[in-house]
Amino acid sequence: MGKIAIFAEKPSQARAYAEAYKIKQKQKTFIEIEPCSTFPEGAIITWAVGHLVELKEPKEYQKEWEKWSLGSLPIIPQKNLKIKLSLKCIHNLMQ
């Protein structure tokens, strides 16, 4: 199956995850953990800088919210999020 990738929202969160396992190596953009009963082939823990998901822009929910007015408030979106992959997160994955 290959190694598992674990995504954290920030470096400190990744370090906290890694503390539960034996660390094989630490790099600038990821932490590799040794194979264990949880991850028989090991795992890579990486992180983004900032949130991984965010709310959509109002116009992505309803076209009429593209130019909103005081009369259209409050804007209450549906509970769906969009994935926000920063360049930093993509860079981490490529390493």
C-alpha atoms as a PDB file:
ATOM      1  CA  MET A   1       0.000   0.000   0.000  1.00  0.00           C
ATOM      2  CA  GLY A   2       2.870   2.409   0.658  1.00  0.00           C
ATOM      3  CA  LYS A   3       3.406   5.004   3.309  1.00  0.00           C
ATOM      4  CA  ILE A   4       0.535   6.925   4.794  1.00  0.00           C
ATOM      5  CA  ALA A   5       0.554  10.741   4.532  1.00  0.00           C
ATOM      6  CA  ILE A   6      -0.741  12.625   7.571  1.00  0.00           C
ATOM      7  CA  PHE A   7      -1.595  16.297   7.071  1.00  0.00           C
ATOM      8  CA  ALA A   8      -1.433  18.732   9.955  1.00  0.00           C
ATOM      9  CA  GLU A   9      -2.579  22.329   9.909  1.00  0.00           C
ATOM     10  CA  LYS A  10       0.684  23.698  11.320  1.00  0.00           C
ATOM     11  CA  PRO A  11       4.194  22.511  12.225  1.00  0.00           C
ATOM     12  CA  SER A  12       3.527  22.335  15.987  1.00  0.00           C
ATOM     13  CA  GLN A  13       0.556  20.052  15.378  1.00  0.00           C
ATOM     14  CA  ALA A  14       2.721  17.782  13.210  1.00  0.00           C
ATOM     15  CA  ARG A  15       5.366  17.607  15.947  1.00  0.00           C
ATOM     16  CA  ALA A  16       2.674  16.720  18.494  1.00  0.00           C
ATOM     17  CA  TYR A  17       1.449  13.867  16.269  1.00  0.00           C
ATOM     18  CA  ALA A  18       4.993  12.607  15.742  1.00  0.00           C
ATOM     19  CA  GLU A  19       5.713  12.484  19.488  1.00  0.00           C
ATOM     20  CA  ALA A  20       3.454   9.423  19.732  1.00  0.00           C
ATOM     21  CA  TYR A  21       5.752   7.427  17.442  1.00  0.00           C
ATOM     22  CA  LYS A  22       9.415   6.641  16.900  1.00  0.00           C
ATOM     23  CA  ILE A  23      10.791   9.279  14.529  1.00  0.00           C
ATOM     24  CA  LYS A  24      12.944   8.056  11.649  1.00  0.00           C
ATOM     25  CA  GLN A  25      13.894  11.526  10.391  1.00  0.00           C
ATOM     26  CA  LYS A  26      12.914  15.165  10.630  1.00  0.00           C
ATOM     27  CA  GLN A  27      13.188  17.415   7.609  1.00  0.00           C
ATOM     28  CA  LYS A  28      12.241  21.024   7.002  1.00  0.00           C
ATOM     29  CA  THR A  29       8.918  20.095   5.402  1.00  0.00           C
ATOM     30  CA  PHE A  30       8.016  16.707   6.920  1.00  0.00           C
ATOM     31  CA  ILE A  31       8.592  14.193   9.702  1.00  0.00           C
ATOM     32  CA  GLU A  32       8.967  10.528   8.857  1.00  0.00           C
ATOM     33  CA  ILE A  33       7.969   7.947  11.450  1.00  0.00           C
ATOM     34  CA  GLU A  34       9.297   4.402  11.718  1.00  0.00           C
ATOM     35  CA  PRO A  35       7.122   1.429  10.797  1.00  0.00           C
ATOM     36  CA  CYS A  36       4.969   0.340  13.742  1.00  0.00           C
ATOM     37  CA  SER A  37       1.756  -1.549  14.471  1.00  0.00           C
ATOM     38  CA  THR A  38      -0.351   1.478  13.482  1.00  0.00           C
ATOM     39  CA  PHE A  39       1.630   2.225  10.310  1.00  0.00           C
ATOM     40  CA  PRO A  40       3.362  -1.022   9.204  1.00  0.00           C
ATOM     41  CA  GLU A  41       5.165   0.758   6.363  1.00  0.00           C
ATOM     42  CA  GLY A  42       5.823   3.963   8.288  1.00  0.00           C
ATOM     43  CA  ALA A  43       4.216   7.317   7.652  1.00  0.00           C
ATOM     44  CA  ILE A  44       5.048  10.848   6.588  1.00  0.00           C
ATOM     45  CA  ILE A  45       3.642  13.758   8.575  1.00  0.00           C
ATOM     46  CA  THR A  46       3.581  17.077   6.741  1.00  0.00           C
ATOM     47  CA  TRP A  47       1.843  20.376   7.299  1.00  0.00           C
ATOM     48  CA  ALA A  48       0.420  23.453   5.682  1.00  0.00           C
ATOM     49  CA  VAL A  49       0.665  26.988   6.946  1.00  0.00           C
ATOM     50  CA  GLY A  50      -2.848  28.076   7.818  1.00  0.00           C
ATOM     51  CA  HIS A  51      -6.177  26.389   7.412  1.00  0.00           C
ATOM     52  CA  LEU A  52      -6.648  23.530   4.976  1.00  0.00           C
ATOM     53  CA  VAL A  53     -10.306  24.309   4.335  1.00  0.00           C
ATOM     54  CA  GLU A  54     -12.294  27.522   4.224  1.00  0.00           C
ATOM     55  CA  LEU A  55     -15.799  28.727   3.517  1.00  0.00           C
ATOM     56  CA  LYS A  56     -16.652  29.423  -0.092  1.00  0.00           C
ATOM     57  CA  GLU A  57     -17.120  33.001  -1.256  1.00  0.00           C
ATOM     58  CA  PRO A  58     -20.781  34.112  -1.010  1.00  0.00           C
ATOM     59  CA  LYS A  59     -21.123  34.160  -4.825  1.00  0.00           C
ATOM     60  CA  GLU A  60     -20.140  30.470  -4.899  1.00  0.00           C
ATOM     61  CA  TYR A  61     -23.279  29.635  -2.899  1.00  0.00           C
ATOM     62  CA  GLN A  62     -25.731  31.878  -4.745  1.00  0.00           C
ATOM     63  CA  LYS A  63     -25.136  34.015  -7.827  1.00  0.00           C
ATOM     64  CA  GLU A  64     -27.212  36.865  -6.369  1.00  0.00           C
ATOM     65  CA  TRP A  65     -24.742  37.135  -3.450  1.00  0.00           C
ATOM     66  CA  GLU A  66     -21.948  38.251  -5.811  1.00  0.00           C
ATOM     67  CA  LYS A  67     -22.880  41.883  -5.127  1.00  0.00           C
ATOM     68  CA  TRP A  68     -24.618  41.844  -1.809  1.00  0.00           C
ATOM     69  CA  SER A  69     -26.409  44.673  -0.118  1.00  0.00           C
ATOM     70  CA  LEU A  70     -27.433  45.378   3.439  1.00  0.00           C
ATOM     71  CA  GLY A  71     -30.851  43.994   2.578  1.00  0.00           C
ATOM     72  CA  SER A  72     -29.402  40.575   1.709  1.00  0.00           C
ATOM     73  CA  LEU A  73     -27.835  40.158   5.146  1.00  0.00           C
ATOM     74  CA  PRO A  74     -27.410  37.904   6.956  1.00  0.00           C
ATOM     75  CA  ILE A  75     -25.737  35.608   4.446  1.00  0.00           C
ATOM     76  CA  ILE A  76     -26.020  32.122   5.907  1.00  0.00           C
ATOM     77  CA  PRO A  77     -24.148  29.633   3.731  1.00  0.00           C
ATOM     78  CA  GLN A  78     -24.708  25.919   3.485  1.00  0.00           C
ATOM     79  CA  LYS A  79     -22.318  23.787   5.506  1.00  0.00           C
ATOM     80  CA  ASN A  80     -19.927  22.876   2.739  1.00  0.00           C
ATOM     81  CA  LEU A  81     -16.302  23.886   2.612  1.00  0.00           C
ATOM     82  CA  LYS A  82     -13.717  24.094  -0.116  1.00  0.00           C
ATOM     83  CA  ILE A  83     -10.234  22.749   0.188  1.00  0.00           C
ATOM     84  CA  LYS A  84      -7.581  25.431   0.363  1.00  0.00           C
ATOM     85  CA  LEU A  85      -4.258  24.008  -0.724  1.00  0.00           C
ATOM     86  CA  SER A  86      -1.602  26.607  -0.301  1.00  0.00           C
ATOM     87  CA  LEU A  87       1.567  26.508  -2.365  1.00  0.00           C
ATOM     88  CA  LYS A  88       3.360  25.592   0.855  1.00  0.00           C
ATOM     89  CA  CYS A  89       1.179  22.499   1.323  1.00  0.00           C
ATOM     90  CA  ILE A  90       1.722  21.403  -2.278  1.00  0.00           C
ATOM     91  CA  HIS A  91       5.467  21.984  -1.881  1.00  0.00           C
ATOM     92  CA  ASN A  92       5.470  19.808   1.252  1.00  0.00           C
ATOM     93  CA  LEU A  93       3.786  17.001  -0.641  1.00  0.00           C
ATOM     94  CA  MET A  94       6.357  17.128  -3.430  1.00  0.00           C
ATOM     95  CA  GLN A  95       9.291  16.692  -1.053  1.00  0.00           C
END
